Amino acid sequence: MAEDQRLLRIRPYYWGAIYLNDADCEEDFDIDFHDGGGPVLATASHVSVLVVNARTVDKADADVTVDVRVAPQRIDGLSHEVAFQLPSGRLYIGDADDSDEIAVQSGRWLLQFDVDDPAQARHVRLVMSPL
């Protein structure tokens, strides 16, 4: 994905979270870190954004919008951020049911997030910029 391009995905997340990791990550996802606060949780190899759990709401209210943009540098005004290593240059964004892949230059990236509701997000904005 080139700078200033976007990925927009609208779908339900039946696990109540959006998971992000490097495409070549061989470590299993450690669900235990999910017990902390939110809405953005991170380990060295995974990031999670808590969203509305599609199993606990009406089908009409289950969709979550994920809006991803690659930018040349950090932007102001986003609530949460994580510095994240992408050795492969490919970031998986999704859950156990489906995922999308963002291809960027390998290296360290700043992942900046904004959510509409910290407890049950229905709209997640992610801006990625190189560090």
C-alpha atoms as a PDB file:
ATOM      1  CA  MET A   1       0.000   0.000   0.000  1.00  0.00           C
ATOM      2  CA  ALA A   2       1.554   3.295  -1.053  1.00  0.00           C
ATOM      3  CA  GLU A   3       1.528   6.404   1.104  1.00  0.00           C
ATOM      4  CA  ASP A   4      -1.814   8.198   1.251  1.00  0.00           C
ATOM      5  CA  GLN A   5      -3.725   5.151   0.017  1.00  0.00           C
ATOM      6  CA  ARG A   6      -6.541   3.710   2.080  1.00  0.00           C
ATOM      7  CA  LEU A   7      -8.152   0.445   3.025  1.00  0.00           C
ATOM      8  CA  LEU A   8     -11.772   0.557   4.135  1.00  0.00           C
ATOM      9  CA  ARG A   9     -13.387  -2.594   5.520  1.00  0.00           C
ATOM     10  CA  ILE A  10     -16.865  -2.900   7.011  1.00  0.00           C
ATOM     11  CA  ARG A  11     -17.809  -6.207   8.615  1.00  0.00           C
ATOM     12  CA  PRO A  12     -18.687  -7.846  11.931  1.00  0.00           C
ATOM     13  CA  TYR A  13     -15.953  -9.074  14.274  1.00  0.00           C
ATOM     14  CA  TYR A  14     -17.254 -12.131  16.117  1.00  0.00           C
ATOM     15  CA  TRP A  15     -14.279 -12.206  18.453  1.00  0.00           C
ATOM     16  CA  GLY A  16     -14.804  -8.635  19.741  1.00  0.00           C
ATOM     17  CA  ALA A  17     -11.391  -7.450  18.583  1.00  0.00           C
ATOM     18  CA  ILE A  18      -9.355  -6.584  15.526  1.00  0.00           C
ATOM     19  CA  TYR A  19      -5.929  -8.210  15.586  1.00  0.00           C
ATOM     20  CA  LEU A  20      -2.824  -6.853  13.871  1.00  0.00           C
ATOM     21  CA  ASN A  21       0.497  -8.611  13.379  1.00  0.00           C
ATOM     22  CA  ASP A  22       3.382  -8.962  10.955  1.00  0.00           C
ATOM     23  CA  ALA A  23       2.573 -11.473   8.213  1.00  0.00           C
ATOM     24  CA  ASP A  24       5.649 -13.543   9.058  1.00  0.00           C
ATOM     25  CA  CYS A  25       5.030 -13.583  12.810  1.00  0.00           C
ATOM     26  CA  GLU A  26       5.423 -17.124  14.087  1.00  0.00           C
ATOM     27  CA  GLU A  27       4.471 -16.401  17.674  1.00  0.00           C
ATOM     28  CA  ASP A  28       1.012 -17.438  18.798  1.00  0.00           C
ATOM     29  CA  PHE A  29      -1.299 -14.662  19.800  1.00  0.00           C
ATOM     30  CA  ASP A  30      -1.247 -14.311  23.595  1.00  0.00           C
ATOM     31  CA  ILE A  31      -4.858 -13.747  24.560  1.00  0.00           C
ATOM     32  CA  ASP A  32      -3.856 -13.124  28.217  1.00  0.00           C
ATOM     33  CA  PHE A  33      -2.827  -9.549  27.482  1.00  0.00           C
ATOM     34  CA  HIS A  34      -6.460  -8.910  26.650  1.00  0.00           C
ATOM     35  CA  ASP A  35      -7.241  -8.652  30.347  1.00  0.00           C
ATOM     36  CA  GLY A  36      -5.765  -5.149  30.532  1.00  0.00           C
ATOM     37  CA  GLY A  37      -7.427  -1.855  29.747  1.00  0.00           C
ATOM     38  CA  GLY A  38      -8.280  -0.844  26.235  1.00  0.00           C
ATOM     39  CA  PRO A  39      -9.229  -0.127  23.605  1.00  0.00           C
ATOM     40  CA  VAL A  40      -5.753  -0.621  22.054  1.00  0.00           C
ATOM     41  CA  LEU A  41      -3.609  -3.385  23.544  1.00  0.00           C
ATOM     42  CA  ALA A  42      -0.136  -4.383  22.387  1.00  0.00           C
ATOM     43  CA  THR A  43       2.654  -6.887  22.857  1.00  0.00           C
ATOM     44  CA  ALA A  44       5.966  -7.002  20.990  1.00  0.00           C
ATOM     45  CA  SER A  45       4.389  -9.028  18.177  1.00  0.00           C
ATOM     46  CA  HIS A  46       0.639  -8.268  18.233  1.00  0.00           C
ATOM     47  CA  VAL A  47      -1.755  -5.353  18.526  1.00  0.00           C
ATOM     48  CA  SER A  48      -5.441  -5.648  19.317  1.00  0.00           C
ATOM     49  CA  VAL A  49      -8.232  -3.082  19.113  1.00  0.00           C
ATOM     50  CA  LEU A  50     -11.344  -3.898  21.122  1.00  0.00           C
ATOM     51  CA  VAL A  51     -14.539  -3.498  19.088  1.00  0.00           C
ATOM     52  CA  VAL A  52     -18.196  -4.414  19.426  1.00  0.00           C
ATOM     53  CA  ASN A  53     -18.522  -8.186  19.737  1.00  0.00           C
ATOM     54  CA  ALA A  54     -20.857  -9.278  16.938  1.00  0.00           C
ATOM     55  CA  ARG A  55     -22.065 -12.255  19.005  1.00  0.00           C
ATOM     56  CA  THR A  56     -23.533  -9.960  21.672  1.00  0.00           C
ATOM     57  CA  VAL A  57     -25.538  -7.482  19.565  1.00  0.00           C
ATOM     58  CA  ASP A  58     -28.258  -7.608  16.938  1.00  0.00           C
ATOM     59  CA  LYS A  59     -27.010  -8.444  13.456  1.00  0.00           C
ATOM     60  CA  ALA A  60     -27.998  -4.958  12.256  1.00  0.00           C
ATOM     61  CA  ASP A  61     -25.675  -3.395  14.862  1.00  0.00           C
ATOM     62  CA  ALA A  62     -22.696  -5.731  14.417  1.00  0.00           C
ATOM     63  CA  ASP A  63     -20.723  -4.075  11.614  1.00  0.00           C
ATOM     64  CA  VAL A  64     -17.446  -2.353  12.443  1.00  0.00           C
ATOM     65  CA  THR A  65     -15.770   0.060  10.038  1.00  0.00           C
ATOM     66  CA  VAL A  66     -11.983  -0.111   9.836  1.00  0.00           C
ATOM     67  CA  ASP A  67     -10.404   2.785   7.957  1.00  0.00           C
ATOM     68  CA  VAL A  68      -6.650   2.391   7.358  1.00  0.00           C
ATOM     69  CA  ARG A  69      -4.391   5.022   5.825  1.00  0.00           C
ATOM     70  CA  VAL A  70      -0.661   5.018   5.203  1.00  0.00           C
ATOM     71  CA  ALA A  71       0.841   8.472   5.734  1.00  0.00           C
ATOM     72  CA  PRO A  72       4.368   9.837   5.268  1.00  0.00           C
ATOM     73  CA  GLN A  73       4.562  10.958   8.924  1.00  0.00           C
ATOM     74  CA  ARG A  74       2.631  10.918  12.189  1.00  0.00           C
ATOM     75  CA  ILE A  75      -0.517  12.990  12.399  1.00  0.00           C
ATOM     76  CA  ASP A  76      -1.947  14.841  15.370  1.00  0.00           C
ATOM     77  CA  GLY A  77      -5.243  14.181  17.096  1.00  0.00           C
ATOM     78  CA  LEU A  78      -5.386  10.378  17.356  1.00  0.00           C
ATOM     79  CA  SER A  79      -5.951   8.955  20.830  1.00  0.00           C
ATOM     80  CA  HIS A  80      -3.736   5.852  20.887  1.00  0.00           C
ATOM     81  CA  GLU A  81      -0.426   4.875  19.327  1.00  0.00           C
ATOM     82  CA  VAL A  82       1.919   1.913  19.194  1.00  0.00           C
ATOM     83  CA  ALA A  83       5.422   1.646  17.725  1.00  0.00           C
ATOM     84  CA  PHE A  84       5.459  -1.651  15.866  1.00  0.00           C
ATOM     85  CA  GLN A  85       8.104  -3.656  14.014  1.00  0.00           C
ATOM     86  CA  LEU A  86       7.147  -5.025  10.576  1.00  0.00           C
ATOM     87  CA  PRO A  87      10.083  -7.187   9.418  1.00  0.00           C
ATOM     88  CA  SER A  88       8.167  -8.515   6.407  1.00  0.00           C
ATOM     89  CA  GLY A  89       6.604  -5.164   5.503  1.00  0.00           C
ATOM     90  CA  ARG A  90       3.192  -6.860   5.518  1.00  0.00           C
ATOM     91  CA  LEU A  91       0.645  -6.108   8.237  1.00  0.00           C
ATOM     92  CA  TYR A  92      -2.296  -8.457   8.771  1.00  0.00           C
ATOM     93  CA  ILE A  93      -5.460  -6.750  10.016  1.00  0.00           C
ATOM     94  CA  GLY A  94      -8.446  -8.896  10.937  1.00  0.00           C
ATOM     95  CA  ASP A  95      -9.418 -11.788  13.164  1.00  0.00           C
ATOM     96  CA  ALA A  96      -9.754 -15.576  13.052  1.00  0.00           C
ATOM     97  CA  ASP A  97     -12.505 -15.298  10.437  1.00  0.00           C
ATOM     98  CA  ASP A  98     -10.882 -13.029   7.838  1.00  0.00           C
ATOM     99  CA  SER A  99      -8.022 -10.600   7.412  1.00  0.00           C
ATOM    100  CA  ASP A 100      -6.612  -8.022   5.047  1.00  0.00           C
ATOM    101  CA  GLU A 101      -2.955  -7.426   4.300  1.00  0.00           C
ATOM    102  CA  ILE A 102      -1.295  -4.028   4.019  1.00  0.00           C
ATOM    103  CA  ALA A 103       2.051  -4.038   2.189  1.00  0.00           C
ATOM    104  CA  VAL A 104       4.510  -1.304   3.166  1.00  0.00           C
ATOM    105  CA  GLN A 105       8.272  -0.970   3.516  1.00  0.00           C
ATOM    106  CA  SER A 106       9.722  -3.250   6.184  1.00  0.00           C
ATOM    107  CA  GLY A 107      10.884  -1.607   9.408  1.00  0.00           C
ATOM    108  CA  ARG A 108       9.424   0.230  12.410  1.00  0.00           C
ATOM    109  CA  TRP A 109       6.043   1.840  11.996  1.00  0.00           C
ATOM    110  CA  LEU A 110       3.909   4.076  14.143  1.00  0.00           C
ATOM    111  CA  LEU A 111       0.342   2.786  14.339  1.00  0.00           C
ATOM    112  CA  GLN A 112      -2.016   5.551  15.476  1.00  0.00           C
ATOM    113  CA  PHE A 113      -5.597   4.689  16.363  1.00  0.00           C
ATOM    114  CA  ASP A 114      -8.818   6.500  17.047  1.00  0.00           C
ATOM    115  CA  VAL A 115     -12.066   4.769  18.032  1.00  0.00           C
ATOM    116  CA  ASP A 116     -15.580   6.127  18.329  1.00  0.00           C
ATOM    117  CA  ASP A 117     -16.293   4.264  21.590  1.00  0.00           C
ATOM    118  CA  PRO A 118     -13.525   2.898  23.858  1.00  0.00           C
ATOM    119  CA  ALA A 119     -15.812   0.172  25.249  1.00  0.00           C
ATOM    120  CA  GLN A 120     -17.516  -1.047  22.038  1.00  0.00           C
ATOM    121  CA  ALA A 121     -15.979   0.620  19.011  1.00  0.00           C
ATOM    122  CA  ARG A 122     -17.899   0.543  15.761  1.00  0.00           C
ATOM    123  CA  HIS A 123     -15.485   2.769  13.871  1.00  0.00           C
ATOM    124  CA  VAL A 124     -11.720   2.331  14.036  1.00  0.00           C
ATOM    125  CA  ARG A 125      -9.331   4.681  12.293  1.00  0.00           C
ATOM    126  CA  LEU A 126      -5.708   3.590  11.830  1.00  0.00           C
ATOM    127  CA  VAL A 127      -2.955   5.761  10.410  1.00  0.00           C
ATOM    128  CA  MET A 128       0.380   4.074   9.718  1.00  0.00           C
ATOM    129  CA  SER A 129       3.582   6.081   9.288  1.00  0.00           C
ATOM    130  CA  PRO A 130       7.239   5.061   9.170  1.00  0.00           C
ATOM    131  CA  LEU A 131       9.441   5.701  12.199  1.00  0.00           C
END
